[in-house]
Amino acid sequence: MSEPAAQQVETHTPKELERPALVLNNRSFGWITDKVAGIVEGDMPGWWNIAFGVSFVLMLMCFGYIGYLFTTGVGVWGLNHPVAWGWAIVNFVFWIGIGHAGTLISAILFLLRQKWRTSINRTAEAMTIFAVICAGIFPGIHVGRMWFAWWLLPIPNANEIWPQFRSPLLWDVFAVSTYFTVSLLFWYMGLIPDLATIRDRLRIHSKKVTGAAAKLINRFKQFLYGLFAMGWTGSNRHWRNYEKAYLLLAGLSTPLVLSVHSIVSFDFAVSQLPGWHTTIFPPYFVAGAV
């Protein structure tokens, strides 16, 4: 009797295990680049201009209220001798927590190699930067006399005035400035390949530009994008160094979330008030930020 014929092994993926396509209709990479870069290269829609105008008016109101604070005093938001904390420290902690959420979304998902983070990472990183900027306003203006805010920094001066290094306010300055620097580098590092793409597209489209003013604007854009692209060419060496640097910054950002919010909690924990002088605040604040 002859041996049974060898059964053919199925090489195709079972239907129930097939993953949906990330880009439908078999679109090319060039089509995707045109769609993404078109948002930057094209004109902003009308609703965006309206939203920007409303946001700009609100920003002017913010600076107006800060000016009123300087001319009137910090009592306008409820601060006095028995009430040491008020609107300033509440907003400071709130914005720091918002910034940490963006770092956790982007950095930790990158360390865990979650591919879907690419759809939200740029928004999360930008949210972190703007949130830290908003948070940085309040340590400066809460002192009441903004022109003395430079006392928070250890700047050599003729009066030999040095900051109180045992004050948690000074710890906040160093912690938040470090966190902002790392977050800014992490965000900018991810932008470099995209900046180079727009730079190259501007060079290609420069042949179609007519008019002296339009050509001058195009050249200025090329210079600006080329400056921030830092000579990126997309070579294997550039990608290798880029991935190492991006991984390093992601690794630095993740523990900073724990350390910075722990230091922020010291604003409350190192006080002498009963109920606040406790060691539970650092993990409590970190859990609240997460």
Protein backbone atom coordinates (compact mmCIF):
# COMPACT_ATOMS: atom_id res chain seq x y z
CA MET A 1 0.00 0.00 0.00
CA SER A 2 1.25 3.44 -0.85
CA GLU A 3 1.73 5.99 1.86
CA PRO A 4 -0.96 8.68 2.08
CA ALA A 5 -0.12 11.85 0.24
CA ALA A 6 1.35 14.59 2.40
CA GLN A 7 -1.24 17.09 3.40
CA GLN A 8 -0.66 20.63 2.24
CA VAL A 9 -0.04 23.13 5.03
CA GLU A 10 -2.21 26.22 4.89
CA THR A 11 -0.08 29.34 4.70
CA HIS A 12 -2.82 31.97 4.70
CA THR A 13 -4.05 33.61 7.89
CA PRO A 14 -7.40 32.34 9.14
CA LYS A 15 -10.21 34.80 8.59
CA GLU A 16 -10.94 35.17 12.29
CA LEU A 17 -7.30 36.18 12.94
CA GLU A 18 -7.00 38.75 10.15
CA ARG A 19 -6.30 42.27 11.34
CA PRO A 20 -8.08 45.23 9.75
CA ALA A 21 -5.98 47.38 7.46
CA LEU A 22 -4.60 50.56 9.00
CA VAL A 23 -5.17 52.47 5.74
CA LEU A 24 -8.14 51.52 3.59
CA ASN A 25 -8.45 51.48 -0.21
CA ASN A 26 -4.77 50.51 -0.68
CA ARG A 27 -3.55 54.07 -0.34
CA SER A 28 0.13 54.76 -1.00
CA PHE A 29 2.55 56.42 1.39
CA GLY A 30 2.65 59.41 -0.92
CA TRP A 31 -1.11 59.86 -0.59
CA ILE A 32 -0.82 59.73 3.22
CA THR A 33 2.00 62.30 3.17
CA ASP A 34 -0.06 64.63 0.97
CA LYS A 35 -3.04 64.41 3.33
CA VAL A 36 -1.00 65.03 6.48
CA ALA A 37 1.26 67.74 5.07
CA GLY A 38 -1.70 69.41 3.38
CA ILE A 39 -2.98 70.46 6.81
CA VAL A 40 0.17 72.52 7.33
CA GLU A 41 0.61 73.73 3.76
CA GLY A 42 -3.01 74.68 3.07
CA ASP A 43 -5.12 77.52 4.42
CA MET A 44 -6.80 77.17 7.78
CA PRO A 45 -10.58 76.62 7.68
CA GLY A 46 -12.92 79.34 8.85
CA TRP A 47 -13.89 77.61 12.08
CA TRP A 48 -10.22 77.42 13.08
CA ASN A 49 -9.79 81.17 12.70
CA ILE A 50 -12.89 81.77 14.83
CA ALA A 51 -11.66 79.38 17.53
CA PHE A 52 -8.23 81.01 17.48
CA GLY A 53 -9.78 84.46 17.84
CA VAL A 54 -11.85 83.36 20.85
CA SER A 55 -8.79 81.75 22.45
CA PHE A 56 -6.73 84.89 21.83
CA VAL A 57 -9.37 87.06 23.53
CA LEU A 58 -9.38 84.71 26.53
CA MET A 59 -5.59 84.92 26.71
CA LEU A 60 -5.78 88.73 26.75
CA MET A 61 -8.32 88.49 29.57
CA CYS A 62 -5.88 86.28 31.49
CA PHE A 63 -3.08 88.83 31.20
CA GLY A 64 -5.51 91.58 32.15
CA TYR A 65 -6.48 89.74 35.33
CA ILE A 66 -2.82 89.12 36.13
CA GLY A 67 -2.21 92.86 35.81
CA TYR A 68 -5.13 93.47 38.17
CA LEU A 69 -3.56 90.98 40.58
CA PHE A 70 -0.26 92.90 40.56
CA THR A 71 -1.92 96.26 41.16
CA THR A 72 -4.34 95.04 43.85
CA GLY A 73 -2.59 92.17 45.63
CA VAL A 74 -2.93 88.44 46.08
CA GLY A 75 -5.92 88.97 48.35
CA VAL A 76 -8.12 89.06 45.25
CA TRP A 77 -8.06 85.25 45.16
CA GLY A 78 -8.58 84.76 48.87
CA LEU A 79 -5.04 84.73 50.27
CA ASN A 80 -4.42 86.14 53.72
CA HIS A 81 -2.41 85.19 56.80
CA PRO A 82 -4.47 82.19 58.00
CA VAL A 83 -5.20 81.07 54.42
CA ALA A 84 -1.79 80.42 52.86
CA TRP A 85 -3.01 78.47 49.82
CA GLY A 86 -5.53 79.56 47.29
CA TRP A 87 -6.24 79.77 43.59
CA ALA A 88 -2.57 79.85 42.56
CA ILE A 89 -1.45 76.55 44.06
CA VAL A 90 -4.67 74.82 43.02
CA ASN A 91 -4.07 75.79 39.39
CA PHE A 92 -0.40 74.90 39.63
CA VAL A 93 -1.12 71.36 40.79
CA PHE A 94 -3.94 70.97 38.25
CA TRP A 95 -1.82 71.93 35.23
CA ILE A 96 1.11 69.80 36.36
CA GLY A 97 -1.26 66.83 36.58
CA ILE A 98 -2.56 67.53 33.06
CA GLY A 99 1.01 67.65 31.77
CA HIS A 100 1.86 64.34 33.39
CA ALA A 101 -1.10 62.69 31.70
CA GLY A 102 0.32 63.63 28.30
CA THR A 103 3.75 62.24 29.17
CA LEU A 104 2.30 58.98 30.41
CA ILE A 105 0.24 58.57 27.24
CA SER A 106 3.15 59.17 24.90
CA ALA A 107 6.30 57.96 26.67
CA ILE A 108 4.96 54.86 28.39
CA LEU A 109 3.07 53.70 25.30
CA PHE A 110 6.29 54.09 23.32
CA LEU A 111 8.24 52.05 25.86
CA LEU A 112 5.54 49.37 25.66
CA ARG A 113 5.79 49.43 21.83
CA GLN A 114 2.13 50.23 21.30
CA LYS A 115 1.81 51.16 17.63
CA TRP A 116 -1.55 52.90 18.02
CA ARG A 117 0.11 55.68 20.04
CA THR A 118 1.13 57.35 16.77
CA SER A 119 -2.43 58.62 16.35
CA ILE A 120 -2.39 60.58 19.62
CA ASN A 121 1.24 61.02 20.68
CA ARG A 122 1.76 64.43 19.04
CA THR A 123 -1.36 65.82 20.69
CA ALA A 124 -0.38 64.37 24.07
CA GLU A 125 3.15 65.78 23.90
CA ALA A 126 1.93 69.24 22.88
CA MET A 127 -0.61 69.12 25.70
CA THR A 128 2.22 68.41 28.14
CA ILE A 129 4.25 71.42 26.99
CA PHE A 130 1.37 73.90 27.12
CA ALA A 131 0.18 72.52 30.46
CA VAL A 132 3.63 72.99 32.01
CA ILE A 133 3.79 76.53 30.61
CA CYS A 134 0.43 77.30 32.23
CA ALA A 135 1.61 75.75 35.50
CA GLY A 136 4.81 77.79 35.45
CA ILE A 137 2.85 81.03 35.54
CA PHE A 138 1.50 80.52 39.05
CA PRO A 139 4.72 80.10 41.10
CA GLY A 140 5.81 83.45 39.68
CA ILE A 141 2.63 85.46 40.14
CA HIS A 142 1.62 84.03 43.51
CA VAL A 143 4.42 85.95 45.23
CA GLY A 144 2.44 89.13 44.64
CA ARG A 145 5.52 91.16 43.68
CA MET A 146 6.40 89.76 40.28
CA TRP A 147 9.50 91.92 39.97
CA PHE A 148 11.07 89.86 42.78
CA ALA A 149 10.34 86.50 41.14
CA TRP A 150 13.99 86.23 40.10
CA TRP A 151 14.77 85.54 43.75
CA LEU A 152 13.55 82.00 43.05
CA LEU A 153 16.70 81.36 41.00
CA PRO A 154 20.24 81.10 42.43
CA ILE A 155 21.54 84.09 40.46
CA PRO A 156 24.73 85.73 41.80
CA ASN A 157 24.04 89.34 42.74
CA ALA A 158 25.67 92.21 44.61
CA ASN A 159 23.16 92.00 47.47
CA GLU A 160 24.09 88.37 48.16
CA ILE A 161 20.41 87.42 48.16
CA TRP A 162 20.09 83.67 47.74
CA PRO A 163 16.93 81.57 47.58
CA GLN A 164 15.85 79.47 50.51
CA PHE A 165 16.92 76.00 49.43
CA ARG A 166 14.78 74.44 52.15
CA SER A 167 11.64 75.91 50.61
CA PRO A 168 9.45 73.58 48.51
CA LEU A 169 8.78 76.51 46.19
CA LEU A 170 12.40 76.38 45.07
CA TRP A 171 12.16 72.62 44.65
CA ASP A 172 9.22 73.23 42.32
CA VAL A 173 11.31 75.58 40.19
CA PHE A 174 14.03 73.00 39.58
CA ALA A 175 11.62 70.08 39.17
CA VAL A 176 9.25 71.80 36.75
CA SER A 177 12.04 73.38 34.69
CA THR A 178 13.72 69.97 34.31
CA TYR A 179 10.42 68.35 33.38
CA PHE A 180 9.66 71.07 30.83
CA THR A 181 13.10 70.74 29.22
CA VAL A 182 12.84 66.96 28.83
CA SER A 183 9.24 67.18 27.56
CA LEU A 184 10.20 69.86 25.03
CA LEU A 185 13.10 67.76 23.73
CA PHE A 186 10.90 64.66 23.57
CA TRP A 187 8.28 66.54 21.54
CA TYR A 188 10.84 68.19 19.27
CA MET A 189 12.71 64.94 18.64
CA GLY A 190 9.56 63.37 17.23
CA LEU A 191 9.02 66.36 14.94
CA ILE A 192 12.39 66.24 13.18
CA PRO A 193 11.48 63.72 10.41
CA ASP A 194 8.20 65.56 9.76
CA LEU A 195 9.94 68.93 9.61
CA ALA A 196 12.37 67.52 7.05
CA THR A 197 9.46 66.17 4.98
CA ILE A 198 7.80 69.59 4.81
CA ARG A 199 11.18 71.19 4.03
CA ASP A 200 11.65 68.89 1.03
CA ARG A 201 8.08 69.45 -0.16
CA LEU A 202 8.62 73.21 -0.06
CA ARG A 203 11.69 72.81 -2.27
CA ILE A 204 9.71 70.77 -4.78
CA HIS A 205 6.78 73.20 -4.81
CA SER A 206 9.07 76.25 -5.09
CA LYS A 207 9.15 75.77 -8.87
CA LYS A 208 5.40 76.34 -9.02
CA VAL A 209 5.46 79.50 -6.90
CA THR A 210 4.96 82.74 -8.81
CA GLY A 211 5.42 86.28 -7.59
CA ALA A 212 8.31 87.87 -5.73
CA ALA A 213 6.52 87.96 -2.36
CA ALA A 214 5.38 84.33 -2.61
CA LYS A 215 8.90 83.19 -3.53
CA LEU A 216 10.36 85.11 -0.60
CA ILE A 217 7.87 83.51 1.79
CA ASN A 218 8.64 80.08 0.35
CA ARG A 219 12.38 80.58 0.84
CA PHE A 220 11.84 81.76 4.39
CA LYS A 221 9.75 78.65 5.12
CA GLN A 222 12.44 76.44 3.61
CA PHE A 223 15.07 78.09 5.79
CA LEU A 224 12.93 77.80 8.93
CA TYR A 225 11.95 74.16 8.43
CA GLY A 226 15.49 73.29 7.33
CA LEU A 227 16.92 74.93 10.44
CA PHE A 228 14.73 72.92 12.80
CA ALA A 229 15.11 69.72 10.74
CA MET A 230 18.84 69.86 11.61
CA GLY A 231 20.00 68.39 8.32
CA TRP A 232 17.78 65.32 8.47
CA THR A 233 18.07 63.18 5.33
CA GLY A 234 16.34 59.98 6.44
CA SER A 235 19.49 57.89 6.13
CA ASN A 236 20.00 54.69 8.08
CA ARG A 237 22.47 56.44 10.38
CA HIS A 238 20.02 59.23 11.12
CA TRP A 239 17.20 56.82 11.91
CA ARG A 240 19.46 54.75 14.17
CA ASN A 241 20.55 57.79 16.18
CA TYR A 242 16.99 59.12 16.21
CA GLU A 243 15.57 55.93 17.69
CA LYS A 244 18.27 55.82 20.37
CA ALA A 245 17.68 59.44 21.38
CA TYR A 246 13.89 59.04 21.34
CA LEU A 247 14.10 55.93 23.50
CA LEU A 248 16.41 57.70 25.94
CA LEU A 249 14.08 60.70 26.27
CA ALA A 250 11.08 58.42 26.74
CA GLY A 251 12.95 56.61 29.49
CA LEU A 252 13.79 59.91 31.18
CA SER A 253 10.25 61.28 30.92
CA THR A 254 8.60 58.33 32.64
CA PRO A 255 10.39 58.54 36.03
CA LEU A 256 10.14 62.34 35.90
CA VAL A 257 6.37 61.97 36.15
CA LEU A 258 6.83 60.28 39.52
CA SER A 259 9.53 62.60 40.83
CA VAL A 260 8.02 65.92 39.74
CA HIS A 261 4.57 65.27 41.15
CA SER A 262 6.13 63.97 44.35
CA ILE A 263 8.03 67.26 44.69
CA VAL A 264 4.85 69.21 43.93
CA SER A 265 3.15 67.40 46.80
CA PHE A 266 5.88 68.66 49.14
CA ASP A 267 4.25 72.11 48.90
CA PHE A 268 1.63 70.64 51.21
CA ALA A 269 3.48 67.81 52.95
CA VAL A 270 6.33 69.86 54.47
CA SER A 271 3.99 72.40 56.06
CA GLN A 272 3.48 72.39 59.81
CA LEU A 273 -0.31 72.38 59.64
CA PRO A 274 -1.96 69.36 61.30
CA GLY A 275 -3.41 67.01 58.72
CA TRP A 276 -1.09 68.23 55.97
CA HIS A 277 2.30 67.31 57.43
CA THR A 278 2.21 63.70 56.28
CA THR A 279 4.13 61.34 54.01
CA ILE A 280 1.05 60.07 52.16
CA PHE A 281 0.97 63.05 49.81
CA PRO A 282 3.68 61.99 47.28
CA PRO A 283 2.02 58.67 46.31
CA TYR A 284 -1.40 60.31 46.60
CA PHE A 285 -0.48 63.04 44.13
CA VAL A 286 1.16 60.59 41.71
CA ALA A 287 -1.94 58.39 41.76
CA GLY A 288 -4.10 61.45 41.15
CA ALA A 289 -2.01 62.47 38.14
CA VAL A 290 -2.18 58.99 36.65
